[in-house]
Amino acid sequence: MDKTKRLALLLGIAFVVIISGYMLIGNALNTNPFYKGRMMGPINGDLGPKVPGNMMGRDPGTANCPCKIQGNLEVSEEYIQKVKDILNKDSDVKNLLNQGYNITSIQPVIKRIVGADGTVTSKATTAIVKLTKVASGFATVNVDVELGKVIKIQIVTRTVIDKTG
């Protein structure tokens, strides 16, 4: 291999390494221009522009709650209200709401059963509810809709220590 080909190959490899590093650092710092302003993950795809301090990528409050449409599935107001009623009956969820958490998403978990004859029956037996609190964290609440109770709450808090000033 002559010097020109080696140099071209070396420059190509260096270019790929630099771009890959840029993307990895951008992902870690949430500044990747290819995904800027989007939350990657299974919750409704693109959740809109980021709001400073809001880790979920959507304005806080239930006004912007992406509860009705889940992909190509439309969730009825009655189902959403049923889940909210279950949440309001739970003392731990009430405490979170009183502490400033807001419902930002209600995602039904659909159970599909295939019968012996091949017919498929679908039913939303549980729901995953996302609660966010601006600048401090979020909570995930698992709700059993059939039993009418909260079965699990996971709270993730964020602490920022600013040492610049």
N, C-alpha and C. Protein backbone atom coordinates (compact mmCIF):
# COMPACT_ATOMS: atom_id res chain seq x y z
N MET A 1 0.85 -1.17 0.00
CA MET A 1 0.00 0.00 0.00
C MET A 1 0.90 1.24 0.00
N ASP A 2 0.64 2.16 -0.92
CA ASP A 2 1.50 3.33 -0.98
C ASP A 2 1.11 4.37 0.07
N LYS A 3 1.93 5.40 0.21
CA LYS A 3 1.75 6.39 1.26
C LYS A 3 0.43 7.14 1.13
N THR A 4 -0.02 7.41 -0.06
CA THR A 4 -1.26 8.16 -0.27
C THR A 4 -2.46 7.38 0.24
N LYS A 5 -2.50 6.10 -0.05
CA LYS A 5 -3.62 5.27 0.41
C LYS A 5 -3.60 5.14 1.93
N ARG A 6 -2.42 4.97 2.51
CA ARG A 6 -2.30 4.88 3.96
C ARG A 6 -2.77 6.16 4.63
N LEU A 7 -2.35 7.28 4.06
CA LEU A 7 -2.74 8.58 4.62
C LEU A 7 -4.26 8.77 4.52
N ALA A 8 -4.85 8.39 3.39
CA ALA A 8 -6.30 8.51 3.22
C ALA A 8 -7.04 7.61 4.22
N LEU A 9 -6.54 6.40 4.39
CA LEU A 9 -7.15 5.47 5.34
C LEU A 9 -7.03 6.01 6.77
N LEU A 10 -5.87 6.53 7.12
CA LEU A 10 -5.65 7.08 8.45
C LEU A 10 -6.56 8.30 8.69
N LEU A 11 -6.69 9.17 7.72
CA LEU A 11 -7.58 10.33 7.85
C LEU A 11 -9.05 9.90 7.98
N GLY A 12 -9.44 8.89 7.24
CA GLY A 12 -10.82 8.38 7.33
C GLY A 12 -11.11 7.82 8.71
N ILE A 13 -10.18 7.05 9.25
CA ILE A 13 -10.36 6.48 10.59
C ILE A 13 -10.40 7.60 11.63
N ALA A 14 -9.52 8.58 11.50
CA ALA A 14 -9.50 9.70 12.44
C ALA A 14 -10.83 10.46 12.40
N PHE A 15 -11.38 10.66 11.20
CA PHE A 15 -12.65 11.36 11.05
C PHE A 15 -13.77 10.60 11.77
N VAL A 16 -13.83 9.29 11.58
CA VAL A 16 -14.86 8.47 12.22
C VAL A 16 -14.72 8.52 13.74
N VAL A 17 -13.51 8.45 14.24
CA VAL A 17 -13.27 8.49 15.68
C VAL A 17 -13.70 9.84 16.26
N ILE A 18 -13.38 10.91 15.57
CA ILE A 18 -13.75 12.25 16.05
C ILE A 18 -15.26 12.42 16.07
N ILE A 19 -15.94 12.03 15.00
CA ILE A 19 -17.41 12.16 14.95
C ILE A 19 -18.06 11.27 16.00
N SER A 20 -17.57 10.05 16.17
CA SER A 20 -18.14 9.14 17.19
C SER A 20 -17.97 9.73 18.58
N GLY A 21 -16.80 10.26 18.86
CA GLY A 21 -16.56 10.88 20.16
C GLY A 21 -17.46 12.08 20.38
N TYR A 22 -17.64 12.88 19.36
CA TYR A 22 -18.52 14.04 19.44
C TYR A 22 -19.95 13.61 19.78
N MET A 23 -20.42 12.56 19.12
CA MET A 23 -21.78 12.09 19.37
C MET A 23 -21.91 11.49 20.77
N LEU A 24 -20.91 10.73 21.23
CA LEU A 24 -20.97 10.13 22.57
C LEU A 24 -20.96 11.22 23.64
N ILE A 25 -20.11 12.20 23.49
CA ILE A 25 -20.06 13.29 24.47
C ILE A 25 -21.34 14.10 24.40
N GLY A 26 -21.85 14.32 23.20
CA GLY A 26 -23.11 15.06 23.03
C GLY A 26 -24.27 14.34 23.70
N ASN A 27 -24.31 13.01 23.59
CA ASN A 27 -25.37 12.25 24.26
C ASN A 27 -25.24 12.36 25.77
N ALA A 28 -24.02 12.27 26.27
CA ALA A 28 -23.80 12.34 27.71
C ALA A 28 -24.19 13.70 28.27
N LEU A 29 -23.94 14.75 27.51
CA LEU A 29 -24.24 16.11 27.97
C LEU A 29 -25.59 16.62 27.48
N ASN A 30 -26.32 15.78 26.76
CA ASN A 30 -27.61 16.14 26.17
C ASN A 30 -27.48 17.33 25.22
N THR A 31 -26.38 17.38 24.47
CA THR A 31 -26.19 18.44 23.49
C THR A 31 -25.99 17.88 22.09
N ASN A 32 -26.26 16.62 21.90
CA ASN A 32 -26.10 16.00 20.59
C ASN A 32 -27.06 16.67 19.61
N PRO A 33 -26.54 17.29 18.55
CA PRO A 33 -27.42 18.02 17.63
C PRO A 33 -28.40 17.11 16.88
N PHE A 34 -28.12 15.81 16.82
CA PHE A 34 -29.01 14.90 16.12
C PHE A 34 -30.25 14.58 16.95
N TYR A 35 -30.17 14.72 18.28
CA TYR A 35 -31.28 14.39 19.15
C TYR A 35 -31.68 15.56 20.05
N LYS A 36 -31.16 16.74 19.80
CA LYS A 36 -31.40 17.89 20.68
C LYS A 36 -32.88 18.16 20.81
N GLY A 37 -33.34 18.33 22.05
CA GLY A 37 -34.73 18.66 22.29
C GLY A 37 -35.66 17.47 22.29
N ARG A 38 -35.12 16.26 22.18
CA ARG A 38 -35.97 15.08 22.18
C ARG A 38 -35.58 14.18 23.32
N MET A 39 -36.56 13.49 23.84
CA MET A 39 -36.26 12.49 24.85
C MET A 39 -36.29 11.14 24.17
N MET A 40 -35.19 10.43 24.25
CA MET A 40 -35.15 9.12 23.63
C MET A 40 -35.75 8.11 24.60
N GLY A 41 -36.55 7.22 24.12
CA GLY A 41 -37.13 6.23 24.99
C GLY A 41 -38.51 5.83 24.53
N PRO A 42 -39.15 4.93 25.25
CA PRO A 42 -40.40 4.35 24.80
C PRO A 42 -41.63 5.20 25.09
N ILE A 43 -41.47 6.33 25.78
CA ILE A 43 -42.64 7.09 26.19
C ILE A 43 -42.99 8.11 25.13
N ASN A 44 -43.88 7.77 24.26
CA ASN A 44 -44.43 8.68 23.25
C ASN A 44 -43.40 9.23 22.28
N GLY A 45 -42.23 8.64 22.15
CA GLY A 45 -41.26 9.13 21.18
C GLY A 45 -40.79 10.52 21.52
N ASP A 46 -41.06 11.47 20.64
CA ASP A 46 -40.62 12.84 20.81
C ASP A 46 -41.58 13.58 21.74
N LEU A 47 -41.11 13.98 22.90
CA LEU A 47 -41.96 14.66 23.87
C LEU A 47 -41.91 16.17 23.75
N GLY A 48 -41.31 16.70 22.70
CA GLY A 48 -41.30 18.14 22.53
C GLY A 48 -40.03 18.75 23.10
N PRO A 49 -39.97 20.09 23.07
CA PRO A 49 -38.75 20.76 23.50
C PRO A 49 -38.50 20.61 24.99
N LYS A 50 -37.22 20.60 25.34
CA LYS A 50 -36.84 20.51 26.75
C LYS A 50 -37.13 21.83 27.45
N VAL A 51 -37.54 21.73 28.69
CA VAL A 51 -37.73 22.89 29.55
C VAL A 51 -36.64 22.83 30.59
N PRO A 52 -35.91 23.95 30.85
CA PRO A 52 -34.83 23.87 31.83
C PRO A 52 -35.30 23.28 33.16
N GLY A 53 -34.59 22.27 33.62
CA GLY A 53 -34.90 21.64 34.89
C GLY A 53 -35.93 20.54 34.80
N ASN A 54 -36.55 20.35 33.64
CA ASN A 54 -37.57 19.32 33.51
C ASN A 54 -36.97 18.15 32.76
N MET A 55 -36.73 17.04 33.46
CA MET A 55 -36.05 15.90 32.85
C MET A 55 -36.94 15.14 31.88
N MET A 56 -38.24 15.36 31.92
CA MET A 56 -39.12 14.61 31.04
C MET A 56 -39.25 15.26 29.66
N GLY A 57 -38.77 16.49 29.49
CA GLY A 57 -38.79 17.12 28.17
C GLY A 57 -40.13 17.71 27.80
N ARG A 58 -40.97 18.04 28.75
CA ARG A 58 -42.27 18.63 28.46
C ARG A 58 -42.61 19.60 29.57
N ASP A 59 -43.39 20.62 29.23
CA ASP A 59 -43.81 21.56 30.26
C ASP A 59 -44.52 20.83 31.37
N PRO A 60 -44.32 21.24 32.63
CA PRO A 60 -44.99 20.57 33.74
C PRO A 60 -46.48 20.86 33.74
N GLY A 61 -47.22 20.01 34.39
CA GLY A 61 -48.67 20.22 34.51
C GLY A 61 -49.43 19.24 33.66
N THR A 62 -50.71 19.11 33.96
CA THR A 62 -51.52 18.14 33.24
C THR A 62 -52.08 18.70 31.94
N ALA A 63 -51.95 20.01 31.72
CA ALA A 63 -52.47 20.59 30.48
C ALA A 63 -51.77 20.01 29.26
N ASN A 64 -50.48 19.70 29.40
CA ASN A 64 -49.72 19.14 28.29
C ASN A 64 -49.55 17.63 28.40
N CYS A 65 -50.32 17.00 29.24
CA CYS A 65 -50.19 15.57 29.47
C CYS A 65 -50.46 14.80 28.18
N PRO A 66 -49.49 14.03 27.68
CA PRO A 66 -49.71 13.24 26.47
C PRO A 66 -50.46 11.96 26.80
N CYS A 67 -51.63 12.11 27.42
CA CYS A 67 -52.36 10.96 27.93
C CYS A 67 -53.28 10.32 26.90
N LYS A 68 -53.82 11.11 25.98
CA LYS A 68 -54.86 10.60 25.10
C LYS A 68 -54.34 9.70 23.99
N ILE A 69 -53.21 10.06 23.39
CA ILE A 69 -52.75 9.29 22.23
C ILE A 69 -51.42 8.63 22.57
N GLN A 70 -51.38 7.32 22.47
CA GLN A 70 -50.20 6.52 22.71
C GLN A 70 -49.85 5.82 21.40
N GLY A 71 -48.99 6.43 20.59
CA GLY A 71 -48.68 5.86 19.29
C GLY A 71 -49.92 5.92 18.42
N ASN A 72 -50.39 4.79 17.93
CA ASN A 72 -51.62 4.76 17.14
C ASN A 72 -52.82 4.34 17.98
N LEU A 73 -52.67 4.37 19.30
CA LEU A 73 -53.72 3.97 20.22
C LEU A 73 -54.29 5.21 20.89
N GLU A 74 -55.60 5.38 20.81
CA GLU A 74 -56.24 6.50 21.50
C GLU A 74 -56.86 6.00 22.79
N VAL A 75 -56.53 6.68 23.88
CA VAL A 75 -57.00 6.30 25.20
C VAL A 75 -58.20 7.17 25.56
N SER A 76 -59.27 6.54 26.04
CA SER A 76 -60.49 7.28 26.33
C SER A 76 -60.34 8.15 27.57
N GLU A 77 -61.13 9.20 27.63
CA GLU A 77 -61.16 10.07 28.82
C GLU A 77 -61.59 9.28 30.05
N GLU A 78 -62.48 8.31 29.86
CA GLU A 78 -62.96 7.51 30.98
C GLU A 78 -61.82 6.69 31.59
N TYR A 79 -60.97 6.10 30.75
CA TYR A 79 -59.83 5.32 31.24
C TYR A 79 -58.86 6.23 32.00
N ILE A 80 -58.57 7.38 31.41
CA ILE A 80 -57.67 8.34 32.05
C ILE A 80 -58.23 8.77 33.41
N GLN A 81 -59.53 9.06 33.44
CA GLN A 81 -60.16 9.48 34.69
C GLN A 81 -60.15 8.36 35.73
N LYS A 82 -60.35 7.13 35.27
CA LYS A 82 -60.32 5.98 36.19
C LYS A 82 -58.94 5.85 36.84
N VAL A 83 -57.89 6.01 36.03
CA VAL A 83 -56.52 5.94 36.56
C VAL A 83 -56.28 7.09 37.53
N LYS A 84 -56.72 8.30 37.17
CA LYS A 84 -56.54 9.45 38.06
C LYS A 84 -57.30 9.26 39.37
N ASP A 85 -58.48 8.66 39.32
CA ASP A 85 -59.24 8.40 40.55
C ASP A 85 -58.48 7.43 41.46
N ILE A 86 -57.88 6.40 40.86
CA ILE A 86 -57.08 5.44 41.64
C ILE A 86 -55.88 6.16 42.26
N LEU A 87 -55.23 7.03 41.49
CA LEU A 87 -54.09 7.79 42.01
C LEU A 87 -54.50 8.67 43.19
N ASN A 88 -55.64 9.33 43.07
CA ASN A 88 -56.10 10.24 44.12
C ASN A 88 -56.51 9.52 45.40
N LYS A 89 -56.80 8.22 45.31
CA LYS A 89 -57.15 7.44 46.51
C LYS A 89 -55.92 6.99 47.28
N ASP A 90 -54.75 6.99 46.63
CA ASP A 90 -53.52 6.51 47.25
C ASP A 90 -52.85 7.64 48.03
N SER A 91 -52.55 7.41 49.30
CA SER A 91 -51.98 8.46 50.15
C SER A 91 -50.57 8.86 49.71
N ASP A 92 -49.76 7.90 49.26
CA ASP A 92 -48.40 8.22 48.83
C ASP A 92 -48.41 9.08 47.56
N VAL A 93 -49.29 8.77 46.64
CA VAL A 93 -49.40 9.57 45.41
C VAL A 93 -49.92 10.96 45.75
N LYS A 94 -50.89 11.04 46.67
CA LYS A 94 -51.40 12.35 47.11
C LYS A 94 -50.27 13.20 47.67
N ASN A 95 -49.40 12.58 48.47
CA ASN A 95 -48.26 13.32 49.01
C ASN A 95 -47.36 13.85 47.92
N LEU A 96 -47.10 13.04 46.90
CA LEU A 96 -46.26 13.50 45.79
C LEU A 96 -46.91 14.67 45.06
N LEU A 97 -48.20 14.57 44.80
CA LEU A 97 -48.91 15.65 44.13
C LEU A 97 -48.90 16.92 44.97
N ASN A 98 -49.05 16.77 46.29
CA ASN A 98 -49.00 17.93 47.19
C ASN A 98 -47.60 18.54 47.27
N GLN A 99 -46.57 17.73 47.00
CA GLN A 99 -45.19 18.23 47.01
C GLN A 99 -44.82 18.92 45.71
N GLY A 100 -45.73 18.98 44.75
CA GLY A 100 -45.46 19.69 43.50
C GLY A 100 -45.24 18.82 42.28
N TYR A 101 -45.39 17.51 42.42
CA TYR A 101 -45.29 16.63 41.25
C TYR A 101 -46.55 16.81 40.39
N ASN A 102 -46.38 16.69 39.08
CA ASN A 102 -47.50 16.79 38.14
C ASN A 102 -47.58 15.54 37.29
N ILE A 103 -48.79 15.16 36.93
CA ILE A 103 -48.98 14.01 36.03
C ILE A 103 -48.60 14.47 34.63
N THR A 104 -47.60 13.79 34.04
CA THR A 104 -47.17 14.17 32.69
C THR A 104 -47.47 13.09 31.66
N SER A 105 -47.78 11.89 32.09
CA SER A 105 -48.17 10.87 31.12
C SER A 105 -48.86 9.71 31.81
N ILE A 106 -49.88 9.19 31.13
CA ILE A 106 -50.56 7.97 31.56
C ILE A 106 -50.47 7.01 30.39
N GLN A 107 -49.75 5.92 30.60
CA GLN A 107 -49.51 4.96 29.53
C GLN A 107 -50.13 3.62 29.89
N PRO A 108 -51.19 3.22 29.17
CA PRO A 108 -51.79 1.92 29.46
C PRO A 108 -50.86 0.78 29.05
N VAL A 109 -50.84 -0.26 29.86
CA VAL A 109 -50.10 -1.48 29.52
C VAL A 109 -51.14 -2.49 29.06
N ILE A 110 -51.03 -2.87 27.81
CA ILE A 110 -52.06 -3.71 27.20
C ILE A 110 -51.65 -5.17 27.26
N LYS A 111 -52.55 -5.97 27.82
CA LYS A 111 -52.34 -7.42 27.90
C LYS A 111 -53.11 -8.04 26.74
N ARG A 112 -52.41 -8.87 25.96
CA ARG A 112 -53.04 -9.54 24.82
C ARG A 112 -53.05 -11.04 25.07
N ILE A 113 -54.21 -11.64 24.87
CA ILE A 113 -54.36 -13.08 25.09
C ILE A 113 -54.81 -13.71 23.78
N VAL A 114 -54.09 -14.74 23.36
CA VAL A 114 -54.44 -15.48 22.14
C VAL A 114 -55.19 -16.73 22.58
N GLY A 115 -56.43 -16.87 22.13
CA GLY A 115 -57.25 -18.02 22.46
C GLY A 115 -56.86 -19.24 21.65
N ALA A 116 -57.43 -20.38 21.98
CA ALA A 116 -57.14 -21.64 21.29
C ALA A 116 -57.50 -21.56 19.81
N ASP A 117 -58.55 -20.79 19.49
CA ASP A 117 -58.96 -20.67 18.09
C ASP A 117 -58.20 -19.57 17.34
N GLY A 118 -57.25 -18.91 18.02
CA GLY A 118 -56.43 -17.88 17.37
C GLY A 118 -56.96 -16.47 17.53
N THR A 119 -58.11 -16.31 18.16
CA THR A 119 -58.62 -14.96 18.37
C THR A 119 -57.77 -14.26 19.43
N VAL A 120 -57.59 -12.97 19.23
CA VAL A 120 -56.77 -12.17 20.14
C VAL A 120 -57.67 -11.21 20.90
N THR A 121 -57.53 -11.23 22.22
CA THR A 121 -58.27 -10.31 23.08
C THR A 121 -57.27 -9.38 23.75
N SER A 122 -57.54 -8.09 23.69
CA SER A 122 -56.65 -7.10 24.31
C SER A 122 -57.38 -6.39 25.44
N LYS A 123 -56.64 -6.11 26.52
CA LYS A 123 -57.22 -5.39 27.63
C LYS A 123 -56.11 -4.62 28.35
N ALA A 124 -56.39 -3.35 28.66
CA ALA A 124 -55.44 -2.53 29.40
C ALA A 124 -55.66 -2.78 30.88
N THR A 125 -54.90 -3.71 31.43
CA THR A 125 -55.10 -4.11 32.83
C THR A 125 -54.33 -3.23 33.81
N THR A 126 -53.23 -2.66 33.36
CA THR A 126 -52.43 -1.79 34.22
C THR A 126 -52.05 -0.53 33.45
N ALA A 127 -51.54 0.44 34.19
CA ALA A 127 -51.08 1.69 33.57
C ALA A 127 -49.80 2.14 34.26
N ILE A 128 -48.95 2.78 33.50
CA ILE A 128 -47.74 3.39 34.05
C ILE A 128 -47.94 4.90 33.97
N VAL A 129 -47.84 5.54 35.13
CA VAL A 129 -48.07 6.98 35.21
C VAL A 129 -46.75 7.66 35.54
N LYS A 130 -46.41 8.70 34.78
CA LYS A 130 -45.21 9.48 35.04
C LYS A 130 -45.61 10.77 35.74
N LEU A 131 -44.95 11.03 36.86
CA LEU A 131 -45.12 12.28 37.58
C LEU A 131 -43.79 13.01 37.54
N THR A 132 -43.80 14.31 37.28
CA THR A 132 -42.56 15.08 37.27
C THR A 132 -42.66 16.25 38.22
N LYS A 133 -41.51 16.63 38.73
CA LYS A 133 -41.39 17.83 39.56
C LYS A 133 -40.25 18.64 38.97
N VAL A 134 -40.56 19.84 38.54
CA VAL A 134 -39.58 20.68 37.85
C VAL A 134 -38.30 20.80 38.67
N ALA A 135 -37.20 20.55 38.01
CA ALA A 135 -35.84 20.72 38.53
C ALA A 135 -35.45 19.76 39.65
N SER A 136 -36.31 18.81 40.03
CA SER A 136 -35.87 17.93 41.11
C SER A 136 -36.06 16.45 40.85
N GLY A 137 -36.87 16.05 39.89
CA GLY A 137 -36.97 14.63 39.63
C GLY A 137 -38.29 14.19 39.04
N PHE A 138 -38.50 12.88 39.08
CA PHE A 138 -39.73 12.31 38.56
C PHE A 138 -40.06 11.03 39.31
N ALA A 139 -41.29 10.59 39.15
CA ALA A 139 -41.74 9.35 39.78
C ALA A 139 -42.50 8.53 38.75
N THR A 140 -42.39 7.23 38.85
CA THR A 140 -43.14 6.30 38.02
C THR A 140 -44.07 5.53 38.94
N VAL A 141 -45.36 5.55 38.60
CA VAL A 141 -46.37 4.89 39.42
C VAL A 141 -47.02 3.79 38.59
N ASN A 142 -46.98 2.57 39.09
CA ASN A 142 -47.65 1.45 38.44
C ASN A 142 -49.02 1.29 39.07
N VAL A 143 -50.06 1.29 38.23
CA VAL A 143 -51.43 1.23 38.69
C VAL A 143 -52.09 -0.03 38.14
N ASP A 144 -52.69 -0.84 39.01
CA ASP A 144 -53.48 -1.98 38.59
C ASP A 144 -54.92 -1.49 38.44
N VAL A 145 -55.35 -1.33 37.20
CA VAL A 145 -56.66 -0.76 36.93
C VAL A 145 -57.77 -1.74 37.30
N GLU A 146 -57.54 -3.02 37.10
CA GLU A 146 -58.56 -4.02 37.43
C GLU A 146 -58.82 -4.08 38.94
N LEU A 147 -57.75 -4.03 39.74
CA LEU A 147 -57.89 -4.08 41.20
C LEU A 147 -58.17 -2.71 41.80
N GLY A 148 -57.93 -1.66 41.02
CA GLY A 148 -58.19 -0.31 41.48
C GLY A 148 -57.22 0.18 42.54
N LYS A 149 -55.91 -0.17 42.38
CA LYS A 149 -54.95 0.28 43.38
C LYS A 149 -53.57 0.50 42.77
N VAL A 150 -52.78 1.31 43.47
CA VAL A 150 -51.39 1.56 43.10
C VAL A 150 -50.58 0.38 43.60
N ILE A 151 -49.73 -0.19 42.71
CA ILE A 151 -48.95 -1.37 43.12
C ILE A 151 -47.47 -1.06 43.33
N LYS A 152 -46.96 0.02 42.73
CA LYS A 152 -45.56 0.35 42.94
C LYS A 152 -45.32 1.82 42.60
N ILE A 153 -44.44 2.46 43.39
CA ILE A 153 -44.02 3.84 43.12
C ILE A 153 -42.50 3.86 43.15
N GLN A 154 -41.91 4.40 42.09
CA GLN A 154 -40.46 4.58 42.03
C GLN A 154 -40.20 6.08 41.91
N ILE A 155 -39.40 6.63 42.81
CA ILE A 155 -39.10 8.06 42.80
C ILE A 155 -37.62 8.24 42.50
N VAL A 156 -37.32 9.09 41.52
CA VAL A 156 -35.95 9.42 41.17
C VAL A 156 -35.78 10.91 41.39
N THR A 157 -34.84 11.27 42.26
CA THR A 157 -34.60 12.68 42.53
C THR A 157 -33.25 13.09 41.95
N ARG A 158 -33.15 14.37 41.64
CA ARG A 158 -31.93 14.91 41.06
C ARG A 158 -31.46 16.05 41.94
N THR A 159 -30.20 16.01 42.29
CA THR A 159 -29.59 17.08 43.07
C THR A 159 -28.47 17.69 42.25
N VAL A 160 -28.48 19.01 42.11
CA VAL A 160 -27.44 19.72 41.37
C VAL A 160 -26.70 20.59 42.36
N ILE A 161 -25.39 20.44 42.42
CA ILE A 161 -24.56 21.28 43.25
C ILE A 161 -23.76 22.17 42.31
N ASP A 162 -24.12 23.45 42.27
CA ASP A 162 -23.48 24.42 41.37
C ASP A 162 -22.33 25.08 42.10
N LYS A 163 -21.11 24.84 41.63
CA LYS A 163 -19.92 25.39 42.27
C LYS A 163 -19.26 26.46 41.41
N THR A 164 -20.02 27.02 40.46
CA THR A 164 -19.43 28.02 39.57
C THR A 164 -19.40 29.41 40.20
N GLY A 165 -20.27 29.69 41.15
CA GLY A 165 -20.33 31.06 41.68
C GLY A 165 -20.26 31.14 43.08
